[in-house]
C-alpha atoms as a PDB file:
ATOM      1  CA  MET A   1      14.191 -12.808  17.287  1.00  0.00           C
ATOM      2  CA  LYS A   2      11.867 -10.204  15.879  1.00  0.00           C
ATOM      3  CA  ARG A   3      13.260  -7.139  15.263  1.00  0.00           C
ATOM      4  CA  PRO A   4      11.324  -3.992  16.915  1.00  0.00           C
ATOM      5  CA  THR A   5       9.244  -1.694  14.875  1.00  0.00           C
ATOM      6  CA  THR A   6      11.001   1.668  13.881  1.00  0.00           C
ATOM      7  CA  ILE A   7       9.117   4.635  15.106  1.00  0.00           C
ATOM      8  CA  LYS A   8       9.451   5.971  11.102  1.00  0.00           C
ATOM      9  CA  THR A   9       7.310   2.734  10.393  1.00  0.00           C
ATOM     10  CA  LYS A  10       4.345   3.146  12.939  1.00  0.00           C
ATOM     11  CA  LEU A  11       4.112   6.893  11.867  1.00  0.00           C
ATOM     12  CA  ALA A  12       3.943   5.739   8.066  1.00  0.00           C
ATOM     13  CA  ALA A  13       1.370   2.760   9.041  1.00  0.00           C
ATOM     14  CA  ARG A  14      -0.782   5.055  11.469  1.00  0.00           C
ATOM     15  CA  GLN A  15      -0.775   7.547   8.484  1.00  0.00           C
ATOM     16  CA  ILE A  16      -1.737   4.926   5.979  1.00  0.00           C
ATOM     17  CA  GLY A  17      -4.685   3.341   8.275  1.00  0.00           C
ATOM     18  CA  GLU A  18      -5.966   7.011   8.279  1.00  0.00           C
ATOM     19  CA  ASN A  19      -5.914   7.308   4.760  1.00  0.00           C
ATOM     20  CA  ILE A  20      -7.424   4.169   4.329  1.00  0.00           C
ATOM     21  CA  ALA A  21     -10.149   5.225   6.984  1.00  0.00           C
ATOM     22  CA  THR A  22     -10.787   8.516   5.025  1.00  0.00           C
ATOM     23  CA  TRP A  23     -11.371   6.692   1.770  1.00  0.00           C
ATOM     24  CA  ARG A  24     -13.560   4.282   3.184  1.00  0.00           C
ATOM     25  CA  LYS A  25     -15.609   7.505   4.887  1.00  0.00           C
ATOM     26  CA  LEU A  26     -15.749   9.113   1.736  1.00  0.00           C
ATOM     27  CA  TYR A  27     -17.314   5.914  -0.178  1.00  0.00           C
ATOM     28  CA  GLY A  28     -19.643   5.547   2.243  1.00  0.00           C
ATOM     29  CA  PHE A  29     -18.652   2.109   3.402  1.00  0.00           C
ATOM     30  CA  THR A  30     -18.881   0.610   6.951  1.00  0.00           C
ATOM     31  CA  SER A  31     -16.193  -1.231   8.565  1.00  0.00           C
ATOM     32  CA  GLN A  32     -17.672  -4.252   8.099  1.00  0.00           C
ATOM     33  CA  GLY A  33     -18.347  -3.453   4.096  1.00  0.00           C
ATOM     34  CA  LEU A  34     -15.060  -2.693   3.390  1.00  0.00           C
ATOM     35  CA  ALA A  35     -14.149  -5.874   5.522  1.00  0.00           C
ATOM     36  CA  ASP A  36     -16.459  -8.146   3.128  1.00  0.00           C
ATOM     37  CA  LYS A  37     -14.659  -6.293  -0.204  1.00  0.00           C
ATOM     38  CA  ALA A  38     -11.185  -6.920   1.167  1.00  0.00           C
ATOM     39  CA  ALA A  39     -12.203 -10.536   2.155  1.00  0.00           C
ATOM     40  CA  VAL A  40     -10.840  -9.754   6.034  1.00  0.00           C
ATOM     41  CA  SER A  41     -12.757  -9.655   9.330  1.00  0.00           C
ATOM     42  CA  ARG A  42     -13.739  -6.037  10.695  1.00  0.00           C
ATOM     43  CA  ALA A  43     -11.318  -6.278  13.257  1.00  0.00           C
ATOM     44  CA  THR A  44      -8.930  -6.862  10.870  1.00  0.00           C
ATOM     45  CA  ILE A  45      -9.548  -3.747   9.030  1.00  0.00           C
ATOM     46  CA  SER A  46      -9.751  -1.850  12.403  1.00  0.00           C
ATOM     47  CA  ARG A  47      -6.267  -2.972  13.225  1.00  0.00           C
ATOM     48  CA  LEU A  48      -5.239  -1.498   9.457  1.00  0.00           C
ATOM     49  CA  GLU A  49      -7.234   1.701  10.154  1.00  0.00           C
ATOM     50  CA  ASN A  50      -5.283   1.897  13.579  1.00  0.00           C
ATOM     51  CA  GLY A  51      -2.207   1.838  12.037  1.00  0.00           C
ATOM     52  CA  ASP A  52      -1.249  -1.750  13.364  1.00  0.00           C
ATOM     53  CA  PRO A  53       1.943  -2.370  10.999  1.00  0.00           C
ATOM     54  CA  THR A  54       1.363  -6.290  11.477  1.00  0.00           C
ATOM     55  CA  VAL A  55      -1.618  -6.392   9.186  1.00  0.00           C
ATOM     56  CA  SER A  56      -0.748  -8.486   6.309  1.00  0.00           C
ATOM     57  CA  PHE A  57       0.523  -6.851   2.677  1.00  0.00           C
ATOM     58  CA  GLU A  58      -2.247  -8.716   1.503  1.00  0.00           C
ATOM     59  CA  THR A  59      -4.979  -7.240   3.404  1.00  0.00           C
ATOM     60  CA  PHE A  60      -3.401  -3.554   2.748  1.00  0.00           C
ATOM     61  CA  LEU A  61      -3.466  -4.079  -1.210  1.00  0.00           C
ATOM     62  CA  ASN A  62      -7.299  -6.009  -1.059  1.00  0.00           C
ATOM     63  CA  ALA A  63      -8.248  -2.604   0.948  1.00  0.00           C
ATOM     64  CA  CYS A  64      -6.804  -0.457  -1.580  1.00  0.00           C
ATOM     65  CA  ARG A  65      -8.318  -2.754  -4.374  1.00  0.00           C
ATOM     66  CA  ALA A  66     -11.679  -2.120  -2.819  1.00  0.00           C
ATOM     67  CA  LEU A  67     -11.301   1.351  -2.340  1.00  0.00           C
ATOM     68  CA  SER A  68     -10.073   2.160  -6.266  1.00  0.00           C
ATOM     69  CA  THR A  69      -6.490   3.214  -4.568  1.00  0.00           C
ATOM     70  CA  LEU A  70      -4.708  -0.169  -5.742  1.00  0.00           C
ATOM     71  CA  ASP A  71      -3.376   1.651  -9.054  1.00  0.00           C
ATOM     72  CA  ALA A  72      -2.284   4.501  -7.347  1.00  0.00           C
ATOM     73  CA  VAL A  73      -0.190   2.525  -4.611  1.00  0.00           C
ATOM     74  CA  VAL A  74       1.435   0.521  -7.634  1.00  0.00           C
ATOM     75  CA  GLU A  75       2.407   3.690  -9.275  1.00  0.00           C
ATOM     76  CA  ALA A  76       3.796   5.036  -6.471  1.00  0.00           C
ATOM     77  CA  THR A  77       6.261   2.605  -6.100  1.00  0.00           C
ATOM     78  CA  ASP A  78       7.181   2.358  -9.657  1.00  0.00           C
ATOM     79  CA  PRO A  79      11.009   3.597  -9.982  1.00  0.00           C
ATOM     80  CA  TYR A  80      10.364   4.494 -13.387  1.00  0.00           C
ATOM     81  CA  GLU A  81       7.817   7.431 -12.216  1.00  0.00           C
ATOM     82  CA  THR A  82      10.760   9.322 -10.704  1.00  0.00           C
ATOM     83  CA  ASP A  83      13.819  11.224 -11.757  1.00  0.00           C
ATOM     84  CA  LEU A  84      16.239   9.328 -10.174  1.00  0.00           C
ATOM     85  CA  GLY A  85      14.775   5.786 -11.061  1.00  0.00           C
ATOM     86  CA  ARG A  86      14.812   6.604 -14.767  1.00  0.00           C
ATOM     87  CA  ILE A  87      18.417   7.909 -14.487  1.00  0.00           C
ATOM     88  CA  ARG A  88      19.292   4.813 -12.296  1.00  0.00           C
ATOM     89  CA  ALA A  89      17.596   2.455 -14.756  1.00  0.00           C
ATOM     90  CA  ASP A  90      19.727   4.159 -18.126  1.00  0.00           C
ATOM     91  CA  GLN A  91      22.977   3.772 -15.790  1.00  0.00           C
ATOM     92  CA  THR A  92      22.323   0.191 -14.374  1.00  0.00           C
ATOM     93  CA  LEU A  93      19.859  -2.155 -16.497  1.00  0.00           C
ATOM     94  CA  PRO A  94      21.506  -3.844 -19.772  1.00  0.00           C
ATOM     95  CA  GLN A  95      20.282  -2.357 -22.861  1.00  0.00           C
ATOM     96  CA  ARG A  96      18.352  -3.867 -25.164  1.00  0.00           C
ATOM     97  CA  VAL A  97      20.990  -5.473 -27.976  1.00  0.00           C
ATOM     98  CA  ARG A  98      19.309  -5.816 -31.842  1.00  0.00           C
ATOM     99  CA  SER A  99      19.873  -8.799 -33.558  1.00  0.00           C
ATOM    100  CA  LYS A 100      20.981  -8.511 -37.145  1.00  0.00           C
END
């Protein structure tokens, strides 16, 4: 049985979709132009921009690549870019062992 999508996830998907649409417009791309660059249909780009959380992760990443925002997405999920991530990594990840 499929789990229902949470409100927080729906709101995030809507905001991300709006951001994708804004980037597309800033670059002067049509929906079809972005679809071509992301190797998907215009309808799929429309679903992404309208916040449909069922659009594939690959489609999202391809759209980000086409809009030159992929590096920022990758960086935003990098735990080493946060204080908490760096602290926890120092505490939990094994330290490198020197060979003699």
